[in-house]
N, C-alpha and C. Protein backbone atom coordinates (compact mmCIF):
# COMPACT_ATOMS: atom_id res chain seq x y z
N UNK A 1 7.72 -77.00 -75.87
CA UNK A 1 7.54 -77.49 -77.31
C UNK A 1 7.08 -76.71 -78.38
N UNK A 2 7.67 -76.35 -79.67
CA UNK A 2 7.66 -75.39 -80.52
C UNK A 2 6.56 -76.22 -81.08
N UNK A 3 5.34 -75.05 -81.64
CA UNK A 3 4.17 -75.29 -81.96
C UNK A 3 3.48 -74.53 -83.26
N UNK A 4 3.85 -74.65 -84.21
CA UNK A 4 3.61 -73.76 -84.90
C UNK A 4 2.77 -74.57 -86.58
N UNK A 5 1.57 -73.87 -86.79
CA UNK A 5 0.45 -74.70 -87.37
C UNK A 5 0.06 -73.33 -88.35
N UNK A 6 -0.27 -74.20 -89.69
CA UNK A 6 -1.37 -73.28 -90.63
C UNK A 6 -2.73 -73.43 -90.17
N UNK A 7 -3.09 -72.34 -90.28
CA UNK A 7 -4.58 -72.20 -89.56
C UNK A 7 -5.52 -71.57 -90.53
N UNK A 8 -5.32 -71.24 -91.84
CA UNK A 8 -5.90 -70.59 -92.95
C UNK A 8 -5.37 -70.44 -94.32
N UNK A 9 -5.67 -70.96 -95.37
CA UNK A 9 -5.37 -70.90 -96.33
C UNK A 9 -6.45 -69.71 -97.17
N UNK A 10 -6.28 -68.57 -97.65
CA UNK A 10 -6.78 -67.57 -98.53
C UNK A 10 -8.13 -67.25 -97.74
N UNK A 11 -8.19 -67.17 -96.48
CA UNK A 11 -9.25 -66.97 -95.26
C UNK A 11 -10.20 -68.21 -95.04
N UNK A 12 -9.60 -69.38 -95.88
CA UNK A 12 -10.46 -70.45 -95.19
C UNK A 12 -9.83 -71.19 -94.44
N UNK A 13 -10.69 -71.55 -93.16
CA UNK A 13 -9.80 -72.25 -92.20
C UNK A 13 -9.34 -73.77 -92.84
N UNK A 14 -8.27 -74.03 -92.40
CA UNK A 14 -7.75 -75.53 -92.27
C UNK A 14 -7.37 -76.40 -91.21
N UNK A 15 -7.15 -77.64 -91.15
CA UNK A 15 -6.75 -78.10 -90.16
C UNK A 15 -5.46 -78.72 -90.41
N UNK A 16 -3.92 -77.99 -90.10
CA UNK A 16 -2.90 -78.63 -90.90
C UNK A 16 -2.54 -79.93 -90.15
N UNK A 17 -2.43 -80.10 -88.92
CA UNK A 17 -2.36 -80.98 -88.08
C UNK A 17 -2.83 -82.41 -89.09
N UNK A 18 -4.28 -82.31 -88.84
CA UNK A 18 -5.01 -83.34 -89.29
C UNK A 18 -4.68 -83.72 -90.42
N UNK A 19 -4.68 -82.76 -91.68
CA UNK A 19 -4.69 -83.08 -92.78
C UNK A 19 -3.51 -81.91 -93.45
N UNK A 20 -2.30 -82.25 -93.40
CA UNK A 20 -1.46 -81.47 -94.01
C UNK A 20 -1.39 -82.04 -95.30
N UNK A 21 -0.69 -80.70 -95.88
CA UNK A 21 -0.44 -80.84 -97.39
C UNK A 21 0.87 -79.95 -97.69
N UNK A 22 1.35 -80.41 -98.92
CA UNK A 22 2.92 -79.66 -99.36
C UNK A 22 2.43 -78.93 -100.47
N UNK A 23 1.35 -79.06 -101.28
CA UNK A 23 1.27 -78.44 -102.91
C UNK A 23 0.58 -77.05 -102.46
N UNK A 24 1.00 -75.97 -103.04
CA UNK A 24 0.22 -74.80 -103.20
C UNK A 24 0.07 -74.77 -104.35
N UNK A 25 -1.32 -74.79 -104.99
CA UNK A 25 -1.26 -74.31 -106.65
C UNK A 25 -1.73 -72.89 -106.82
N UNK A 26 -1.44 -72.46 -107.74
CA UNK A 26 -1.76 -71.03 -108.12
C UNK A 26 -2.69 -71.15 -109.63
N UNK A 27 -3.51 -70.00 -109.70
CA UNK A 27 -4.39 -70.11 -110.68
C UNK A 27 -3.08 -69.54 -112.27
N UNK A 28 -3.69 -69.96 -113.03
CA UNK A 28 -3.20 -69.74 -114.12
C UNK A 28 -3.01 -67.73 -114.51
N UNK A 29 -1.60 -67.72 -114.72
CA UNK A 29 -1.41 -66.07 -114.44
C UNK A 29 -0.55 -65.66 -115.65
N UNK A 30 -1.02 -64.52 -116.43
CA UNK A 30 -0.32 -64.10 -117.62
C UNK A 30 0.81 -63.93 -117.23
N UNK A 31 1.78 -63.67 -118.12
CA UNK A 31 3.38 -63.55 -118.07
C UNK A 31 3.52 -62.43 -117.58
N UNK A 32 4.29 -61.79 -116.59
CA UNK A 32 4.64 -60.44 -115.93
C UNK A 32 3.53 -59.85 -115.01
N UNK A 33 2.14 -60.72 -114.85
CA UNK A 33 1.33 -60.39 -113.77
C UNK A 33 1.55 -61.04 -112.59
N UNK A 34 0.68 -61.00 -111.59
CA UNK A 34 1.03 -61.89 -110.42
C UNK A 34 -0.10 -62.28 -109.86
N UNK A 35 0.13 -63.65 -109.11
CA UNK A 35 -1.09 -63.87 -108.13
C UNK A 35 -0.73 -64.35 -106.99
N UNK A 36 -1.50 -64.26 -106.29
CA UNK A 36 -1.55 -64.62 -104.69
C UNK A 36 -2.05 -65.43 -103.74
N UNK A 37 -1.36 -66.23 -102.96
CA UNK A 37 -2.45 -67.20 -102.18
C UNK A 37 -1.91 -66.62 -100.28
N UNK A 38 -2.56 -66.47 -99.51
CA UNK A 38 -2.65 -66.04 -98.18
C UNK A 38 -2.70 -67.51 -97.68
N UNK A 39 -1.28 -67.24 -96.57
CA UNK A 39 -1.13 -68.43 -95.49
C UNK A 39 -1.14 -67.91 -94.04
N UNK A 40 -2.27 -67.99 -93.27
CA UNK A 40 -2.06 -67.76 -91.82
C UNK A 40 -1.18 -68.98 -90.75
N UNK A 41 -0.19 -68.27 -90.25
CA UNK A 41 0.20 -69.36 -89.44
C UNK A 41 0.44 -69.09 -88.19
N UNK A 42 0.35 -69.84 -87.39
CA UNK A 42 -0.13 -69.45 -85.83
C UNK A 42 1.17 -70.18 -84.85
N UNK A 43 1.69 -69.57 -84.23
CA UNK A 43 2.79 -69.62 -82.89
C UNK A 43 2.26 -70.33 -81.78
N UNK A 44 1.81 -71.13 -81.39
CA UNK A 44 0.85 -71.56 -80.38
C UNK A 44 2.16 -71.49 -78.98
N UNK A 45 3.55 -71.79 -79.54
CA UNK A 45 4.34 -71.92 -77.91
C UNK A 45 4.46 -70.54 -77.83
N UNK A 46 4.98 -70.42 -76.41
CA UNK A 46 5.01 -69.17 -75.78
C UNK A 46 6.40 -68.60 -76.22
N UNK A 47 7.43 -69.27 -77.20
CA UNK A 47 8.46 -68.52 -77.50
C UNK A 47 8.24 -67.89 -78.73
N UNK A 48 8.98 -66.86 -78.72
CA UNK A 48 9.31 -66.10 -80.17
C UNK A 48 10.36 -66.99 -81.16
N UNK A 49 9.87 -66.81 -82.35
CA UNK A 49 10.72 -68.16 -83.16
C UNK A 49 11.11 -66.95 -84.49
N UNK A 50 12.54 -66.95 -84.48
CA UNK A 50 13.26 -66.46 -85.52
C UNK A 50 12.91 -67.17 -87.04
N UNK A 51 12.61 -66.76 -88.08
CA UNK A 51 12.06 -67.52 -89.11
C UNK A 51 12.78 -66.80 -90.44
N UNK A 52 12.91 -67.52 -91.72
CA UNK A 52 13.38 -67.03 -92.93
C UNK A 52 12.77 -67.77 -94.00
N UNK A 53 12.08 -68.14 -95.04
CA UNK A 53 11.56 -68.38 -95.94
C UNK A 53 12.93 -68.86 -97.37
N UNK A 54 13.13 -70.12 -97.65
CA UNK A 54 13.93 -70.13 -98.60
C UNK A 54 12.98 -70.99 -100.16
N UNK A 55 13.54 -70.07 -101.15
CA UNK A 55 12.76 -70.36 -102.18
C UNK A 55 13.45 -71.15 -103.26
N UNK A 56 13.68 -72.03 -103.79
CA UNK A 56 14.31 -72.66 -104.87
C UNK A 56 13.56 -73.44 -105.94
N UNK A 57 14.63 -73.72 -107.00
CA UNK A 57 13.76 -74.39 -108.14
C UNK A 57 14.51 -75.57 -108.32
N UNK A 58 15.54 -76.24 -107.67
CA UNK A 58 15.68 -77.75 -107.99
C UNK A 58 15.85 -78.52 -106.32
N UNK A 59 14.89 -79.42 -106.09
CA UNK A 59 14.74 -80.23 -105.07
C UNK A 59 15.86 -81.08 -105.33
N UNK A 60 16.89 -81.54 -103.78
CA UNK A 60 17.53 -82.17 -103.96
C UNK A 60 19.09 -82.30 -105.13
N UNK A 61 19.07 -80.84 -104.68
CA UNK A 61 20.42 -80.15 -105.76
C UNK A 61 21.65 -80.32 -105.17
N UNK A 62 22.79 -80.96 -105.83
CA UNK A 62 24.06 -81.19 -105.35
C UNK A 62 24.73 -79.66 -105.61
N UNK A 63 24.15 -78.99 -106.07
CA UNK A 63 24.88 -77.93 -106.57
C UNK A 63 24.75 -76.61 -105.44
N UNK A 64 25.46 -76.02 -104.69
CA UNK A 64 25.10 -75.12 -103.46
C UNK A 64 25.39 -73.61 -104.09
N UNK A 65 24.14 -72.89 -104.25
CA UNK A 65 24.29 -71.44 -104.79
C UNK A 65 24.24 -70.53 -103.87
N UNK A 66 25.19 -69.76 -103.49
CA UNK A 66 25.37 -68.72 -102.61
C UNK A 66 24.86 -67.11 -102.96
N UNK A 67 24.66 -67.21 -104.10
CA UNK A 67 24.18 -66.09 -105.02
C UNK A 67 22.47 -66.33 -104.77
N UNK A 68 21.39 -65.16 -104.55
CA UNK A 68 20.12 -65.56 -104.86
C UNK A 68 19.66 -66.12 -106.37
N UNK A 69 18.84 -67.20 -106.15
CA UNK A 69 18.43 -67.81 -107.21
C UNK A 69 17.45 -67.14 -107.98
N UNK A 70 17.34 -66.98 -109.48
CA UNK A 70 16.15 -66.57 -109.77
C UNK A 70 15.16 -67.16 -109.61
N UNK A 71 13.86 -66.91 -109.16
CA UNK A 71 12.77 -67.94 -108.80
C UNK A 71 11.29 -67.09 -109.40
N UNK A 72 10.28 -67.58 -109.79
CA UNK A 72 9.18 -67.26 -110.08
C UNK A 72 7.94 -66.91 -108.78
N UNK A 73 8.46 -67.49 -107.42
CA UNK A 73 7.55 -67.34 -106.39
C UNK A 73 8.33 -66.14 -105.23
N UNK A 74 7.36 -65.83 -104.62
CA UNK A 74 8.54 -64.94 -103.08
C UNK A 74 7.27 -65.03 -102.71
N UNK A 75 7.87 -65.28 -101.52
CA UNK A 75 6.90 -64.67 -100.13
C UNK A 75 7.21 -63.50 -98.97
N UNK A 76 6.00 -63.06 -98.79
CA UNK A 76 6.31 -61.86 -97.74
C UNK A 76 5.46 -61.99 -96.75
N UNK A 77 6.16 -61.72 -95.45
CA UNK A 77 7.29 -61.31 -94.80
C UNK A 77 8.32 -62.58 -95.28
N UNK A 78 9.44 -62.32 -96.15
CA UNK A 78 10.73 -63.13 -96.19
C UNK A 78 11.24 -63.53 -94.99
N UNK A 79 11.21 -62.85 -94.19
CA UNK A 79 11.80 -63.29 -92.49
C UNK A 79 11.65 -61.85 -91.55
N UNK A 80 11.88 -62.57 -90.45
CA UNK A 80 11.42 -61.87 -89.49
C UNK A 80 11.37 -62.84 -88.12
N UNK A 81 10.45 -62.66 -87.18
CA UNK A 81 10.27 -62.95 -85.72
C UNK A 81 8.62 -63.20 -85.38
N UNK A 82 8.14 -64.63 -85.83
CA UNK A 82 6.76 -64.48 -85.25
C UNK A 82 6.65 -64.90 -83.68
N UNK A 83 5.95 -64.13 -82.80
CA UNK A 83 5.92 -63.99 -81.35
C UNK A 83 5.16 -65.18 -80.69
N UNK A 84 5.56 -65.26 -79.44
CA UNK A 84 4.42 -66.23 -78.86
C UNK A 84 3.32 -66.11 -78.99
N UNK A 85 2.59 -67.32 -79.24
CA UNK A 85 0.78 -67.04 -79.42
C UNK A 85 0.36 -65.95 -80.62
N UNK A 86 1.13 -65.94 -81.19
CA UNK A 86 0.70 -64.62 -82.39
C UNK A 86 0.47 -65.60 -83.63
N UNK A 87 -0.32 -64.50 -84.34
CA UNK A 87 -0.66 -65.33 -85.71
C UNK A 87 -0.16 -64.62 -86.55
N UNK A 88 0.66 -65.00 -88.20
CA UNK A 88 1.28 -64.24 -88.74
C UNK A 88 0.56 -64.53 -90.06
N UNK A 89 0.13 -63.58 -91.08
CA UNK A 89 0.00 -63.91 -92.42
C UNK A 89 1.05 -63.55 -93.22
N UNK A 90 1.21 -64.74 -94.13
CA UNK A 90 2.09 -64.78 -95.24
C UNK A 90 1.57 -64.56 -96.79
N UNK A 91 1.79 -63.77 -97.50
CA UNK A 91 1.62 -63.83 -98.72
C UNK A 91 2.42 -64.74 -99.78
N UNK A 92 1.82 -65.35 -100.64
CA UNK A 92 3.05 -66.29 -101.53
C UNK A 92 2.53 -65.80 -102.87
N UNK A 93 3.54 -65.13 -103.54
CA UNK A 93 2.97 -64.79 -104.69
C UNK A 93 3.94 -65.19 -105.91
N UNK A 94 3.12 -65.57 -107.16
CA UNK A 94 3.56 -65.93 -108.41
C UNK A 94 3.77 -65.27 -109.43
N UNK A 95 4.85 -65.10 -110.17
CA UNK A 95 4.72 -64.44 -111.54
C UNK A 95 5.83 -64.91 -112.55
N UNK A 96 5.24 -65.68 -113.69
CA UNK A 96 5.84 -66.08 -114.37
C UNK A 96 6.37 -65.27 -115.32
N UNK A 97 7.42 -65.68 -116.24
CA UNK A 97 8.15 -65.02 -117.40
C UNK A 97 7.56 -64.97 -118.80
N UNK A 98 6.99 -66.74 -118.83
CA UNK A 98 6.04 -67.28 -119.96
C UNK A 98 5.18 -67.87 -119.96
N UNK A 99 4.55 -68.44 -120.82
CA UNK A 99 3.34 -69.64 -120.74
C UNK A 99 3.85 -70.93 -120.78
N UNK A 100 4.40 -71.23 -119.76
CA UNK A 100 4.72 -72.43 -119.40
C UNK A 100 4.67 -73.00 -118.01
N UNK A 101 4.62 -74.16 -117.23
CA UNK A 101 4.46 -74.34 -116.03
C UNK A 101 5.90 -74.19 -115.43
N UNK A 102 5.40 -73.78 -113.67
CA UNK A 102 6.47 -73.48 -113.23
C UNK A 102 6.72 -74.58 -111.82
N UNK A 103 7.53 -75.19 -111.73
CA UNK A 103 7.32 -75.97 -110.63
C UNK A 103 8.52 -75.69 -109.33
N UNK A 104 8.60 -75.05 -108.32
CA UNK A 104 9.38 -74.61 -107.23
C UNK A 104 8.98 -75.00 -106.17
N UNK A 105 9.98 -74.72 -105.35
CA UNK A 105 10.04 -75.55 -103.91
C UNK A 105 10.18 -73.98 -102.65
N UNK A 106 9.32 -74.33 -101.94
CA UNK A 106 9.55 -73.20 -100.50
C UNK A 106 9.75 -73.82 -98.94
N UNK A 107 10.32 -73.39 -98.42
CA UNK A 107 10.73 -74.09 -96.97
C UNK A 107 10.81 -73.08 -95.91
N UNK A 108 9.98 -73.12 -94.99
CA UNK A 108 10.10 -72.19 -93.82
C UNK A 108 10.87 -72.66 -92.73
N UNK A 109 12.03 -71.82 -92.48
CA UNK A 109 13.16 -72.50 -91.76
C UNK A 109 13.19 -71.85 -90.60
N UNK A 110 13.32 -72.34 -89.57
CA UNK A 110 13.11 -71.36 -88.40
C UNK A 110 14.56 -71.77 -87.44
N UNK A 111 14.97 -70.67 -86.58
CA UNK A 111 16.14 -70.71 -86.12
C UNK A 111 16.39 -70.20 -84.59
N UNK A 112 17.51 -70.62 -84.10
CA UNK A 112 17.67 -70.25 -82.78
C UNK A 112 16.64 -70.98 -81.56
N UNK A 113 16.40 -72.42 -82.29
CA UNK A 113 15.40 -73.51 -81.75
C UNK A 113 16.23 -74.02 -81.64
N UNK A 114 16.16 -74.86 -80.13
CA UNK A 114 17.02 -76.38 -80.20
C UNK A 114 16.13 -77.56 -80.68
N UNK A 115 16.88 -78.49 -81.16
CA UNK A 115 16.29 -79.31 -82.22
C UNK A 115 15.15 -80.06 -80.99
N UNK A 116 15.69 -80.07 -80.04
CA UNK A 116 14.81 -80.82 -78.92
C UNK A 116 13.64 -80.34 -78.62
N UNK A 117 13.14 -79.23 -79.01
CA UNK A 117 12.36 -78.56 -78.96
C UNK A 117 10.85 -78.75 -80.15
N UNK A 118 11.42 -79.61 -81.01
CA UNK A 118 10.43 -79.72 -82.02
C UNK A 118 9.80 -81.51 -81.52
N UNK A 119 8.44 -81.65 -82.06
CA UNK A 119 7.97 -82.98 -81.75
C UNK A 119 8.72 -84.21 -82.63
N UNK A 120 8.89 -84.10 -83.93
CA UNK A 120 8.95 -84.71 -84.59
C UNK A 120 10.10 -84.23 -85.41
N UNK A 121 11.51 -84.08 -85.10
CA UNK A 121 12.58 -83.56 -86.00
C UNK A 121 12.82 -84.48 -87.07
N UNK A 122 13.11 -84.10 -88.15
CA UNK A 122 14.01 -84.88 -89.23
C UNK A 122 15.02 -85.82 -89.13
N UNK A 123 14.92 -86.86 -89.19
CA UNK A 123 16.08 -87.85 -88.81
C UNK A 123 17.15 -87.16 -89.20
N UNK A 124 17.41 -87.03 -90.28
CA UNK A 124 18.51 -86.64 -90.56
C UNK A 124 19.17 -85.59 -89.90
N UNK A 125 18.61 -84.40 -89.43
CA UNK A 125 19.11 -83.34 -88.62
C UNK A 125 19.12 -83.91 -87.59
N UNK A 126 18.50 -84.73 -86.60
CA UNK A 126 19.12 -85.30 -85.34
C UNK A 126 20.11 -85.98 -85.41
N UNK A 127 20.51 -86.78 -86.56
CA UNK A 127 21.73 -87.40 -86.72
C UNK A 127 22.77 -86.39 -87.07
N UNK A 128 22.44 -85.31 -87.93
CA UNK A 128 23.93 -84.36 -87.84
C UNK A 128 24.06 -83.45 -86.68
N UNK A 129 22.92 -83.10 -85.98
CA UNK A 129 22.93 -82.56 -84.61
C UNK A 129 23.64 -83.32 -83.98
N UNK A 130 23.91 -84.93 -83.51
CA UNK A 130 24.44 -85.68 -82.80
C UNK A 130 25.72 -85.56 -82.87
N UNK A 131 26.09 -85.80 -84.26
CA UNK A 131 27.85 -85.99 -85.01
C UNK A 131 28.43 -84.76 -84.73
N UNK A 132 27.67 -83.35 -84.63
CA UNK A 132 28.42 -82.35 -84.53
C UNK A 132 28.63 -81.84 -83.09
N UNK A 133 28.02 -82.32 -81.98
CA UNK A 133 27.92 -81.81 -80.56
C UNK A 133 29.34 -82.68 -80.10
N UNK A 134 29.99 -81.61 -79.32
CA UNK A 134 31.41 -82.29 -78.97
C UNK A 134 30.89 -82.79 -77.37
N UNK A 135 31.54 -83.87 -76.93
CA UNK A 135 30.80 -84.49 -75.80
C UNK A 135 31.29 -83.72 -74.77
N UNK A 136 32.72 -83.53 -74.83
CA UNK A 136 33.77 -83.25 -73.66
C UNK A 136 33.25 -81.43 -72.94
N UNK A 137 32.92 -80.65 -74.20
CA UNK A 137 32.54 -79.48 -73.72
C UNK A 137 31.38 -78.96 -73.08
N UNK A 138 31.48 -78.07 -72.31
CA UNK A 138 30.46 -78.00 -71.05
C UNK A 138 29.62 -76.40 -71.77
N UNK A 139 30.42 -75.71 -73.01
CA UNK A 139 29.95 -74.86 -73.45
C UNK A 139 29.51 -75.23 -74.86
N UNK A 140 28.39 -74.21 -75.12
CA UNK A 140 27.39 -74.67 -76.24
C UNK A 140 28.13 -74.00 -77.55
N UNK A 141 28.53 -74.93 -78.61
CA UNK A 141 29.43 -74.80 -79.63
C UNK A 141 28.36 -74.26 -80.83
N UNK A 142 28.35 -73.71 -82.03
CA UNK A 142 28.09 -73.70 -83.06
C UNK A 142 27.90 -75.36 -83.64
N UNK A 143 26.56 -75.46 -84.16
CA UNK A 143 26.30 -76.87 -84.81
C UNK A 143 27.26 -76.87 -86.32
N UNK A 144 27.63 -75.78 -87.07
CA UNK A 144 28.40 -76.03 -88.17
C UNK A 144 29.19 -75.04 -88.47
N UNK A 145 30.23 -75.18 -89.16
CA UNK A 145 31.37 -73.82 -89.46
C UNK A 145 30.55 -72.73 -90.39
N UNK A 146 30.70 -71.62 -89.76
CA UNK A 146 30.15 -70.30 -90.10
C UNK A 146 28.57 -69.94 -89.77
N UNK A 147 28.28 -71.00 -88.55
CA UNK A 147 27.51 -70.80 -87.68
C UNK A 147 27.61 -69.80 -86.50
N UNK A 148 26.62 -68.89 -86.24
CA UNK A 148 26.85 -67.73 -85.48
C UNK A 148 25.75 -68.44 -84.15
N UNK A 149 25.16 -69.40 -84.16
CA UNK A 149 24.34 -69.63 -83.10
C UNK A 149 24.55 -71.34 -82.72
N UNK A 150 24.16 -72.05 -81.51
CA UNK A 150 24.61 -73.22 -81.31
C UNK A 150 23.42 -74.00 -82.05
N UNK A 151 22.46 -73.53 -82.22
CA UNK A 151 21.28 -74.49 -82.98
C UNK A 151 21.05 -74.31 -84.37
N UNK A 152 20.87 -75.28 -85.09
CA UNK A 152 20.55 -75.77 -86.58
C UNK A 152 19.47 -74.36 -87.11
N UNK A 153 19.63 -74.09 -88.12
CA UNK A 153 18.04 -73.95 -88.80
C UNK A 153 17.56 -75.25 -89.30
N UNK A 154 16.39 -74.88 -89.06
CA UNK A 154 15.30 -76.24 -89.09
C UNK A 154 14.28 -75.71 -90.12
N UNK A 155 14.30 -76.87 -91.34
CA UNK A 155 13.14 -76.41 -92.01
C UNK A 155 12.11 -77.05 -91.46
N UNK A 156 11.05 -76.15 -91.26
CA UNK A 156 10.16 -76.53 -90.15
C UNK A 156 8.59 -77.17 -91.15
N UNK A 157 8.69 -76.50 -92.64
CA UNK A 157 7.41 -76.73 -93.47
C UNK A 157 8.19 -76.50 -94.68
N UNK A 158 7.58 -77.53 -95.53
CA UNK A 158 8.13 -77.84 -96.96
C UNK A 158 6.96 -77.60 -97.71
N UNK A 159 7.06 -76.76 -99.02
CA UNK A 159 5.70 -76.87 -99.88
C UNK A 159 6.15 -76.96 -101.51
N UNK A 160 5.77 -77.79 -102.19
CA UNK A 160 5.83 -77.70 -103.80
C UNK A 160 4.97 -76.51 -104.06
N UNK A 161 5.45 -75.30 -104.90
CA UNK A 161 4.61 -74.54 -105.41
C UNK A 161 4.54 -74.66 -106.73
N UNK A 162 3.09 -74.74 -107.36
CA UNK A 162 2.77 -75.00 -108.95
C UNK A 162 1.95 -74.07 -109.46
N UNK A 163 2.81 -73.74 -110.36
CA UNK A 163 2.06 -72.39 -111.13
C UNK A 163 1.94 -72.81 -112.94
N UNK A 164 1.16 -72.28 -113.49
CA UNK A 164 1.35 -72.00 -114.86
C UNK A 164 1.34 -70.88 -115.80
N UNK A 165 1.90 -70.25 -116.51
CA UNK A 165 1.79 -69.15 -116.95
C UNK A 165 0.69 -68.94 -118.29
N UNK A 166 0.00 -68.71 -118.57
CA UNK A 166 -1.13 -68.44 -119.67
C UNK A 166 -0.50 -68.06 -121.08
N UNK A 167 -1.06 -68.50 -121.58
CA UNK A 167 -1.01 -67.99 -123.07
C UNK A 167 -1.74 -66.87 -123.09
N UNK A 168 -1.34 -66.18 -123.58
CA UNK A 168 -2.86 -64.46 -123.41
C UNK A 168 -3.85 -65.06 -124.74
N UNK A 169 -4.71 -64.51 -124.19
CA UNK A 169 -6.20 -64.49 -125.22
C UNK A 169 -6.15 -63.32 -125.66
N UNK A 170 -6.36 -62.59 -127.14
CA UNK A 170 -6.12 -61.71 -127.52
C UNK A 170 -7.54 -61.58 -128.47
N UNK A 171 -8.56 -60.53 -127.92
CA UNK A 171 -9.35 -60.64 -129.00
C UNK A 171 -9.63 -58.95 -129.62
N UNK A 172 -9.81 -58.77 -130.59
CA UNK A 172 -10.23 -57.67 -131.71
C UNK A 172 -11.12 -57.30 -132.19
N UNK A 173 -11.74 -55.87 -131.52
CA UNK A 173 -12.93 -55.57 -131.94
C UNK A 173 -12.99 -54.58 -132.81
N UNK A 174 -13.62 -54.53 -133.96
CA UNK A 174 -13.98 -55.47 -134.48
C UNK A 174 -13.44 -56.59 -135.12
N UNK A 175 -13.74 -57.47 -135.49
CA UNK A 175 -12.99 -58.83 -135.56
C UNK A 175 -12.58 -58.68 -137.28
N UNK A 176 -13.63 -58.15 -137.80
CA UNK A 176 -12.97 -57.81 -139.47
C UNK A 176 -13.35 -56.36 -139.63
N UNK A 177 -12.21 -55.71 -140.67
CA UNK A 177 -12.45 -54.49 -140.93
C UNK A 177 -12.51 -54.08 -142.07
N UNK A 178 -13.63 -53.44 -143.07
CA UNK A 178 -13.48 -53.29 -144.79
C UNK A 178 -12.95 -51.95 -144.73
N UNK A 179 -12.43 -51.65 -145.96
CA UNK A 179 -11.90 -50.40 -146.20
C UNK A 179 -12.54 -50.30 -147.50
N UNK A 180 -13.55 -49.50 -147.45
CA UNK A 180 -14.44 -49.19 -148.23
C UNK A 180 -14.06 -48.06 -149.26
N UNK A 181 -14.71 -48.16 -150.48
CA UNK A 181 -14.47 -47.12 -151.76
C UNK A 181 -12.88 -47.79 -152.01
N UNK A 182 -12.34 -46.50 -153.09
CA UNK A 182 -11.13 -46.81 -153.74
C UNK A 182 -10.24 -46.59 -152.95
N UNK A 183 -9.19 -47.47 -153.20
CA UNK A 183 -8.02 -47.53 -152.34
C UNK A 183 -6.93 -47.07 -153.65
N UNK A 184 -5.59 -46.49 -153.36
CA UNK A 184 -4.61 -46.03 -154.59
C UNK A 184 -3.43 -46.55 -154.02
N UNK A 185 -2.74 -47.04 -154.54
CA UNK A 185 -1.47 -47.50 -154.40
C UNK A 185 -0.46 -46.32 -153.74
N UNK A 186 0.51 -46.76 -152.62
CA UNK A 186 1.34 -45.59 -152.02
C UNK A 186 0.65 -44.56 -151.18
N UNK A 187 -0.83 -44.89 -151.11
CA UNK A 187 -1.50 -44.41 -150.10
C UNK A 187 -1.78 -45.03 -148.81
N UNK A 188 -1.91 -44.50 -147.78
CA UNK A 188 -1.96 -44.99 -146.20
C UNK A 188 -3.56 -45.10 -146.10
N UNK A 189 -4.11 -46.08 -145.68
CA UNK A 189 -5.30 -46.14 -145.02
C UNK A 189 -5.42 -46.64 -143.50
N UNK A 190 -6.39 -46.17 -142.82
CA UNK A 190 -5.93 -46.28 -141.35
C UNK A 190 -7.53 -46.83 -140.72
N UNK A 191 -7.76 -47.39 -139.84
CA UNK A 191 -8.97 -47.59 -139.50
C UNK A 191 -8.65 -47.90 -137.77
N UNK A 192 -9.21 -47.58 -136.62
CA UNK A 192 -8.88 -47.74 -135.31
C UNK A 192 -9.82 -48.89 -135.01
N UNK A 193 -9.22 -50.14 -134.16
CA UNK A 193 -9.69 -51.44 -133.84
C UNK A 193 -9.35 -51.18 -132.39
């Protein structure tokens, strides 16, 4: 059985199985700056699991986009393989463009793992798998058109990503500047702040 579990967030241990969470909040971040959260994920099963992250802006969208969607979050590493009994650290970054809230989503998707290896697979995936398996064939077939494997890509963890772009605070020192003495029209006077 596959056993993936988040063991810590930003260095603090968590019990993800007992208290699962779906939302990752980020501190208010200045536009074009970047803030980061760190997740440590452990693969307690003995099998290596290929994975990739999918980050997207609209939940339950009917529109399928083949190109990269511009998002304000990213995960590193974005794809790879987590070995059996290995703990892997993921960094989730947030970089806003403007002073506004950003609501996006991230799925950790596993590949090349049979749906029967999951303890509680999503009901929709179980039905899709059952409907797309030929009953008469002894040779494992791809689950869907365009797939190069007999196994579904399975979203194993889903997160809501929440961040706020800051309205930047600006301070000027000194707050008041006086131009003392006589000043004349068409002459430039300069003070450094």
